[in-house]
Amino acid sequence: MNPKIKLWRESTVLTGLGQGQVKTLGSFRHVAEIDGHVCRLDFQVVPSAALKFEAIIGSAFLAHAPVLFMKKR
């Protein structure tokens, strides 16, 4: 992890669409520019064993941004 990024150790419980739950280890914030828009991205850190994927996009983000998912060929 980038040493300039601060990990907040406050944990929370995340609930998935299938009602599965995982307790976070903490969170961090990153500011990125995407297609000319400056976005504040908040990441929740969870144990590696808790996820099958590298990242999951939350419903709060999906409610405000059109996202198109495509299979890699």
PDB file of N, CA and C in Angstrom:
ATOM      1  N   MET A   1       0.845  -1.181   0.000  1.00  0.00           N
ATOM      2  CA  MET A   1       0.000   0.000   0.000  1.00  0.00           C
ATOM      3  C   MET A   1       0.887   1.240   0.000  1.00  0.00           C
ATOM      4  N   ASN A   2       0.440   2.262  -0.682  1.00  0.00           N
ATOM      5  CA  ASN A   2       1.149   3.539  -0.740  1.00  0.00           C
ATOM      6  C   ASN A   2       1.263   4.116   0.672  1.00  0.00           C
ATOM      7  N   PRO A   3       2.483   4.443   1.143  1.00  0.00           N
ATOM      8  CA  PRO A   3       2.638   4.967   2.510  1.00  0.00           C
ATOM      9  C   PRO A   3       1.944   6.308   2.728  1.00  0.00           C
ATOM     10  N   LYS A   4       1.580   7.015   1.655  1.00  0.00           N
ATOM     11  CA  LYS A   4       0.875   8.290   1.792  1.00  0.00           C
ATOM     12  C   LYS A   4      -0.613   8.097   2.070  1.00  0.00           C
ATOM     13  N   ILE A   5      -1.118   6.883   1.872  1.00  0.00           N
ATOM     14  CA  ILE A   5      -2.535   6.607   2.092  1.00  0.00           C
ATOM     15  C   ILE A   5      -2.734   6.178   3.542  1.00  0.00           C
ATOM     16  N   LYS A   6      -3.652   6.850   4.219  1.00  0.00           N
ATOM     17  CA  LYS A   6      -3.917   6.557   5.629  1.00  0.00           C
ATOM     18  C   LYS A   6      -5.034   5.522   5.731  1.00  0.00           C
ATOM     19  N   LEU A   7      -4.785   4.458   6.487  1.00  0.00           N
ATOM     20  CA  LEU A   7      -5.801   3.444   6.737  1.00  0.00           C
ATOM     21  C   LEU A   7      -6.536   3.802   8.019  1.00  0.00           C
ATOM     22  N   TRP A   8      -7.831   4.033   7.920  1.00  0.00           N
ATOM     23  CA  TRP A   8      -8.642   4.251   9.112  1.00  0.00           C
ATOM     24  C   TRP A   8      -9.015   2.888   9.654  1.00  0.00           C
ATOM     25  N   ARG A   9      -8.752   2.653  10.910  1.00  0.00           N
ATOM     26  CA  ARG A   9      -8.949   1.333  11.523  1.00  0.00           C
ATOM     27  C   ARG A   9     -10.372   1.100  12.021  1.00  0.00           C
ATOM     28  N   GLU A  10     -11.254   2.037  11.795  1.00  0.00           N
ATOM     29  CA  GLU A  10     -12.644   1.860  12.216  1.00  0.00           C
ATOM     30  C   GLU A  10     -13.297   0.797  11.336  1.00  0.00           C
ATOM     31  N   SER A  11     -13.869  -0.224  11.950  1.00  0.00           N
ATOM     32  CA  SER A  11     -14.459  -1.302  11.160  1.00  0.00           C
ATOM     33  C   SER A  11     -15.975  -1.162  11.094  1.00  0.00           C
ATOM     34  N   THR A  12     -16.531  -1.814  10.105  1.00  0.00           N
ATOM     35  CA  THR A  12     -17.973  -1.833   9.906  1.00  0.00           C
ATOM     36  C   THR A  12     -18.332  -3.204   9.352  1.00  0.00           C
ATOM     37  N   VAL A  13     -19.597  -3.532   9.334  1.00  0.00           N
ATOM     38  CA  VAL A  13     -20.045  -4.798   8.761  1.00  0.00           C
ATOM     39  C   VAL A  13     -20.715  -4.503   7.425  1.00  0.00           C
ATOM     40  N   LEU A  14     -20.227  -5.152   6.370  1.00  0.00           N
ATOM     41  CA  LEU A  14     -20.807  -4.996   5.037  1.00  0.00           C
ATOM     42  C   LEU A  14     -21.728  -6.176   4.763  1.00  0.00           C
ATOM     43  N   THR A  15     -22.873  -5.891   4.162  1.00  0.00           N
ATOM     44  CA  THR A  15     -23.837  -6.928   3.818  1.00  0.00           C
ATOM     45  C   THR A  15     -24.004  -6.972   2.310  1.00  0.00           C
ATOM     46  N   GLY A  16     -23.840  -8.144   1.722  1.00  0.00           N
ATOM     47  CA  GLY A  16     -23.954  -8.312   0.277  1.00  0.00           C
ATOM     48  C   GLY A  16     -25.390  -8.511  -0.169  1.00  0.00           C
ATOM     49  N   LEU A  17     -25.563  -8.576  -1.488  1.00  0.00           N
ATOM     50  CA  LEU A  17     -26.899  -8.772  -2.052  1.00  0.00           C
ATOM     51  C   LEU A  17     -27.512 -10.090  -1.601  1.00  0.00           C
ATOM     52  N   GLY A  18     -26.675 -11.105  -1.366  1.00  0.00           N
ATOM     53  CA  GLY A  18     -27.158 -12.395  -0.886  1.00  0.00           C
ATOM     54  C   GLY A  18     -27.242 -12.468   0.628  1.00  0.00           C
ATOM     55  N   GLN A  19     -27.137 -11.332   1.302  1.00  0.00           N
ATOM     56  CA  GLN A  19     -27.204 -11.185   2.755  1.00  0.00           C
ATOM     57  C   GLN A  19     -25.985 -11.753   3.484  1.00  0.00           C
ATOM     58  N   GLY A  20     -24.935 -12.122   2.759  1.00  0.00           N
ATOM     59  CA  GLY A  20     -23.686 -12.520   3.404  1.00  0.00           C
ATOM     60  C   GLY A  20     -23.049 -11.289   4.041  1.00  0.00           C
ATOM     61  N   GLN A  21     -22.340 -11.486   5.149  1.00  0.00           N
ATOM     62  CA  GLN A  21     -21.739 -10.356   5.854  1.00  0.00           C
ATOM     63  C   GLN A  21     -20.247 -10.569   6.070  1.00  0.00           C
ATOM     64  N   VAL A  22     -19.508  -9.457   6.102  1.00  0.00           N
ATOM     65  CA  VAL A  22     -18.080  -9.488   6.400  1.00  0.00           C
ATOM     66  C   VAL A  22     -17.736  -8.229   7.192  1.00  0.00           C
ATOM     67  N   LYS A  23     -16.892  -8.395   8.220  1.00  0.00           N
ATOM     68  CA  LYS A  23     -16.443  -7.260   9.030  1.00  0.00           C
ATOM     69  C   LYS A  23     -15.175  -6.698   8.403  1.00  0.00           C
ATOM     70  N   THR A  24     -15.141  -5.386   8.179  1.00  0.00           N
ATOM     71  CA  THR A  24     -13.980  -4.753   7.558  1.00  0.00           C
ATOM     72  C   THR A  24     -12.830  -4.615   8.551  1.00  0.00           C
ATOM     73  N   LEU A  25     -11.618  -4.506   8.000  1.00  0.00           N
ATOM     74  CA  LEU A  25     -10.419  -4.263   8.806  1.00  0.00           C
ATOM     75  C   LEU A  25     -10.144  -2.772   8.933  1.00  0.00           C
ATOM     76  N   GLY A  26     -10.801  -1.985   8.095  1.00  0.00           N
ATOM     77  CA  GLY A  26     -10.607  -0.540   8.055  1.00  0.00           C
ATOM     78  C   GLY A  26     -10.967  -0.024   6.676  1.00  0.00           C
ATOM     79  N   SER A  27     -10.597   1.225   6.400  1.00  0.00           N
ATOM     80  CA  SER A  27     -10.909   1.814   5.100  1.00  0.00           C
ATOM     81  C   SER A  27      -9.863   2.863   4.743  1.00  0.00           C
ATOM     82  N   PHE A  28      -9.833   3.232   3.461  1.00  0.00           N
ATOM     83  CA  PHE A  28      -8.987   4.341   3.028  1.00  0.00           C
ATOM     84  C   PHE A  28      -9.664   5.058   1.876  1.00  0.00           C
ATOM     85  N   ARG A  29      -9.259   6.291   1.653  1.00  0.00           N
ATOM     86  CA  ARG A  29      -9.840   7.141   0.609  1.00  0.00           C
ATOM     87  C   ARG A  29      -8.779   7.456  -0.433  1.00  0.00           C
ATOM     88  N   HIS A  30      -9.196   7.453  -1.697  1.00  0.00           N
ATOM     89  CA  HIS A  30      -8.310   7.811  -2.812  1.00  0.00           C
ATOM     90  C   HIS A  30      -9.080   8.746  -3.736  1.00  0.00           C
ATOM     91  N   VAL A  31      -8.426   9.790  -4.208  1.00  0.00           N
ATOM     92  CA  VAL A  31      -9.047  10.712  -5.160  1.00  0.00           C
ATOM     93  C   VAL A  31      -8.468  10.401  -6.537  1.00  0.00           C
ATOM     94  N   ALA A  32      -9.352  10.172  -7.510  1.00  0.00           N
ATOM     95  CA  ALA A  32      -8.918   9.822  -8.863  1.00  0.00           C
ATOM     96  C   ALA A  32      -9.676  10.659  -9.875  1.00  0.00           C
ATOM     97  N   GLU A  33      -9.055  10.855 -11.028  1.00  0.00           N
ATOM     98  CA  GLU A  33      -9.737  11.534 -12.129  1.00  0.00           C
ATOM     99  C   GLU A  33     -10.150  10.473 -13.140  1.00  0.00           C
ATOM    100  N   ILE A  34     -11.452  10.417 -13.423  1.00  0.00           N
ATOM    101  CA  ILE A  34     -12.002   9.439 -14.355  1.00  0.00           C
ATOM    102  C   ILE A  34     -12.771  10.188 -15.429  1.00  0.00           C
ATOM    103  N   ASP A  35     -12.326  10.084 -16.666  1.00  0.00           N
ATOM    104  CA  ASP A  35     -12.959  10.778 -17.796  1.00  0.00           C
ATOM    105  C   ASP A  35     -13.146  12.262 -17.520  1.00  0.00           C
ATOM    106  N   GLY A  36     -12.143  12.897 -16.911  1.00  0.00           N
ATOM    107  CA  GLY A  36     -12.195  14.328 -16.642  1.00  0.00           C
ATOM    108  C   GLY A  36     -12.957  14.717 -15.390  1.00  0.00           C
ATOM    109  N   HIS A  37     -13.496  13.741 -14.671  1.00  0.00           N
ATOM    110  CA  HIS A  37     -14.238  14.011 -13.437  1.00  0.00           C
ATOM    111  C   HIS A  37     -13.390  13.589 -12.244  1.00  0.00           C
ATOM    112  N   VAL A  38     -13.278  14.454 -11.254  1.00  0.00           N
ATOM    113  CA  VAL A  38     -12.548  14.111 -10.036  1.00  0.00           C
ATOM    114  C   VAL A  38     -13.495  13.348  -9.120  1.00  0.00           C
ATOM    115  N   CYS A  39     -13.090  12.150  -8.726  1.00  0.00           N
ATOM    116  CA  CYS A  39     -13.938  11.275  -7.914  1.00  0.00           C
ATOM    117  C   CYS A  39     -13.239  10.925  -6.606  1.00  0.00           C
ATOM    118  N   ARG A  40     -13.988  10.945  -5.526  1.00  0.00           N
ATOM    119  CA  ARG A  40     -13.489  10.483  -4.233  1.00  0.00           C
ATOM    120  C   ARG A  40     -13.919   9.021  -4.094  1.00  0.00           C
ATOM    121  N   LEU A  41     -12.956   8.146  -3.972  1.00  0.00           N
ATOM    122  CA  LEU A  41     -13.235   6.720  -3.868  1.00  0.00           C
ATOM    123  C   LEU A  41     -12.906   6.245  -2.461  1.00  0.00           C
ATOM    124  N   ASP A  42     -13.879   5.675  -1.776  1.00  0.00           N
ATOM    125  CA  ASP A  42     -13.669   5.127  -0.439  1.00  0.00           C
ATOM    126  C   ASP A  42     -13.594   3.606  -0.554  1.00  0.00           C
ATOM    127  N   PHE A  43     -12.503   3.030  -0.072  1.00  0.00           N
ATOM    128  CA  PHE A  43     -12.289   1.588  -0.132  1.00  0.00           C
ATOM    129  C   PHE A  43     -12.422   0.994   1.260  1.00  0.00           C
ATOM    130  N   GLN A  44     -13.163  -0.095   1.385  1.00  0.00           N
ATOM    131  CA  GLN A  44     -13.264  -0.852   2.625  1.00  0.00           C
ATOM    132  C   GLN A  44     -12.307  -2.035   2.496  1.00  0.00           C
ATOM    133  N   VAL A  45     -11.458  -2.247   3.491  1.00  0.00           N
ATOM    134  CA  VAL A  45     -10.465  -3.321   3.461  1.00  0.00           C
ATOM    135  C   VAL A  45     -11.019  -4.514   4.236  1.00  0.00           C
ATOM    136  N   VAL A  46     -11.015  -5.682   3.590  1.00  0.00           N
ATOM    137  CA  VAL A  46     -11.530  -6.904   4.217  1.00  0.00           C
ATOM    138  C   VAL A  46     -10.470  -7.995   4.128  1.00  0.00           C
ATOM    139  N   PRO A  47     -10.576  -9.042   4.956  1.00  0.00           N
ATOM    140  CA  PRO A  47      -9.624 -10.154   4.852  1.00  0.00           C
ATOM    141  C   PRO A  47      -9.677 -10.775   3.453  1.00  0.00           C
ATOM    142  N   SER A  48      -8.538 -11.203   2.934  1.00  0.00           N
ATOM    143  CA  SER A  48      -8.468 -11.799   1.590  1.00  0.00           C
ATOM    144  C   SER A  48      -9.429 -12.969   1.428  1.00  0.00           C
ATOM    145  N   ALA A  49      -9.591 -13.763   2.455  1.00  0.00           N
ATOM    146  CA  ALA A  49     -10.453 -14.943   2.374  1.00  0.00           C
ATOM    147  C   ALA A  49     -11.935 -14.585   2.239  1.00  0.00           C
ATOM    148  N   ALA A  50     -12.295 -13.334   2.497  1.00  0.00           N
ATOM    149  CA  ALA A  50     -13.701 -12.930   2.472  1.00  0.00           C
ATOM    150  C   ALA A  50     -14.226 -12.648   1.067  1.00  0.00           C
ATOM    151  N   LEU A  51     -13.334 -12.490   0.084  1.00  0.00           N
ATOM    152  CA  LEU A  51     -13.760 -12.124  -1.269  1.00  0.00           C
ATOM    153  C   LEU A  51     -13.208 -13.064  -2.324  1.00  0.00           C
ATOM    154  N   LYS A  52     -13.997 -13.253  -3.383  1.00  0.00           N
ATOM    155  CA  LYS A  52     -13.530 -14.000  -4.546  1.00  0.00           C
ATOM    156  C   LYS A  52     -12.957 -13.055  -5.600  1.00  0.00           C
ATOM    157  N   PHE A  53     -13.138 -11.748  -5.405  1.00  0.00           N
ATOM    158  CA  PHE A  53     -12.762 -10.749  -6.400  1.00  0.00           C
ATOM    159  C   PHE A  53     -11.757  -9.764  -5.805  1.00  0.00           C
ATOM    160  N   GLU A  54     -11.035  -9.027  -6.675  1.00  0.00           N
ATOM    161  CA  GLU A  54     -10.079  -8.028  -6.194  1.00  0.00           C
ATOM    162  C   GLU A  54     -10.787  -6.822  -5.601  1.00  0.00           C
ATOM    163  N   ALA A  55     -11.962  -6.499  -6.120  1.00  0.00           N
ATOM    164  CA  ALA A  55     -12.735  -5.356  -5.620  1.00  0.00           C
ATOM    165  C   ALA A  55     -14.205  -5.571  -5.945  1.00  0.00           C
ATOM    166  N   ILE A  56     -15.056  -4.952  -5.165  1.00  0.00           N
ATOM    167  CA  ILE A  56     -16.500  -4.990  -5.398  1.00  0.00           C
ATOM    168  C   ILE A  56     -16.990  -3.554  -5.439  1.00  0.00           C
ATOM    169  N   ILE A  57     -17.810  -3.240  -6.422  1.00  0.00           N
ATOM    170  CA  ILE A  57     -18.376  -1.895  -6.537  1.00  0.00           C
ATOM    171  C   ILE A  57     -19.655  -1.849  -5.712  1.00  0.00           C
ATOM    172  N   GLY A  58     -19.762  -0.868  -4.833  1.00  0.00           N
ATOM    173  CA  GLY A  58     -20.908  -0.759  -3.942  1.00  0.00           C
ATOM    174  C   GLY A  58     -22.157  -0.206  -4.605  1.00  0.00           C
ATOM    175  N   SER A  59     -23.295  -0.484  -3.997  1.00  0.00           N
ATOM    176  CA  SER A  59     -24.578  -0.038  -4.545  1.00  0.00           C
ATOM    177  C   SER A  59     -24.710   1.479  -4.536  1.00  0.00           C
ATOM    178  N   ALA A  60     -24.068   2.171  -3.588  1.00  0.00           N
ATOM    179  CA  ALA A  60     -24.130   3.643  -3.561  1.00  0.00           C
ATOM    180  C   ALA A  60     -23.488   4.219  -4.818  1.00  0.00           C
ATOM    181  N   PHE A  61     -22.371   3.650  -5.250  1.00  0.00           N
ATOM    182  CA  PHE A  61     -21.712   4.101  -6.482  1.00  0.00           C
ATOM    183  C   PHE A  61     -22.583   3.779  -7.691  1.00  0.00           C
ATOM    184  N   LEU A  62     -23.093   2.567  -7.746  1.00  0.00           N
ATOM    185  CA  LEU A  62     -23.893   2.149  -8.898  1.00  0.00           C
ATOM    186  C   LEU A  62     -25.172   2.966  -9.042  1.00  0.00           C
ATOM    187  N   ALA A  63     -25.702   3.482  -7.941  1.00  0.00           N
ATOM    188  CA  ALA A  63     -26.928   4.283  -7.988  1.00  0.00           C
ATOM    189  C   ALA A  63     -26.700   5.636  -8.651  1.00  0.00           C
ATOM    190  N   HIS A  64     -25.449   6.105  -8.700  1.00  0.00           N
ATOM    191  CA  HIS A  64     -25.153   7.441  -9.223  1.00  0.00           C
ATOM    192  C   HIS A  64     -24.324   7.453 -10.498  1.00  0.00           C
ATOM    193  N   ALA A  65     -23.908   6.295 -10.961  1.00  0.00           N
ATOM    194  CA  ALA A  65     -23.034   6.275 -12.137  1.00  0.00           C
ATOM    195  C   ALA A  65     -23.451   5.157 -13.082  1.00  0.00           C
ATOM    196  N   PRO A  66     -23.645   5.482 -14.354  1.00  0.00           N
ATOM    197  CA  PRO A  66     -23.931   4.400 -15.306  1.00  0.00           C
ATOM    198  C   PRO A  66     -22.665   3.572 -15.513  1.00  0.00           C
ATOM    199  N   VAL A  67     -22.785   2.271 -15.359  1.00  0.00           N
ATOM    200  CA  VAL A  67     -21.630   1.390 -15.489  1.00  0.00           C
ATOM    201  C   VAL A  67     -21.970   0.286 -16.479  1.00  0.00           C
ATOM    202  N   LEU A  68     -21.083   0.041 -17.425  1.00  0.00           N
ATOM    203  CA  LEU A  68     -21.261  -1.022 -18.406  1.00  0.00           C
ATOM    204  C   LEU A  68     -20.192  -2.075 -18.163  1.00  0.00           C
ATOM    205  N   PHE A  69     -20.611  -3.306 -17.915  1.00  0.00           N
ATOM    206  CA  PHE A  69     -19.684  -4.409 -17.706  1.00  0.00           C
ATOM    207  C   PHE A  69     -19.642  -5.255 -18.967  1.00  0.00           C
ATOM    208  N   MET A  70     -18.432  -5.592 -19.396  1.00  0.00           N
ATOM    209  CA  MET A  70     -18.268  -6.406 -20.596  1.00  0.00           C
ATOM    210  C   MET A  70     -17.317  -7.557 -20.298  1.00  0.00           C
ATOM    211  N   LYS A  71     -17.591  -8.720 -20.888  1.00  0.00           N
ATOM    212  CA  LYS A  71     -16.692  -9.855 -20.739  1.00  0.00           C
ATOM    213  C   LYS A  71     -15.437  -9.612 -21.549  1.00  0.00           C
ATOM    214  N   LYS A  72     -14.306 -10.030 -20.990  1.00  0.00           N
ATOM    215  CA  LYS A  72     -13.047  -9.959 -21.721  1.00  0.00           C
ATOM    216  C   LYS A  72     -13.048 -11.056 -22.770  1.00  0.00           C
ATOM    217  N   ARG A  73     -12.605 -10.733 -23.975  1.00  0.00           N
ATOM    218  CA  ARG A  73     -12.569 -11.762 -25.026  1.00  0.00           C
ATOM    219  C   ARG A  73     -11.189 -12.296 -25.200  1.00  0.00           C
TER     220      ARG A  73
END
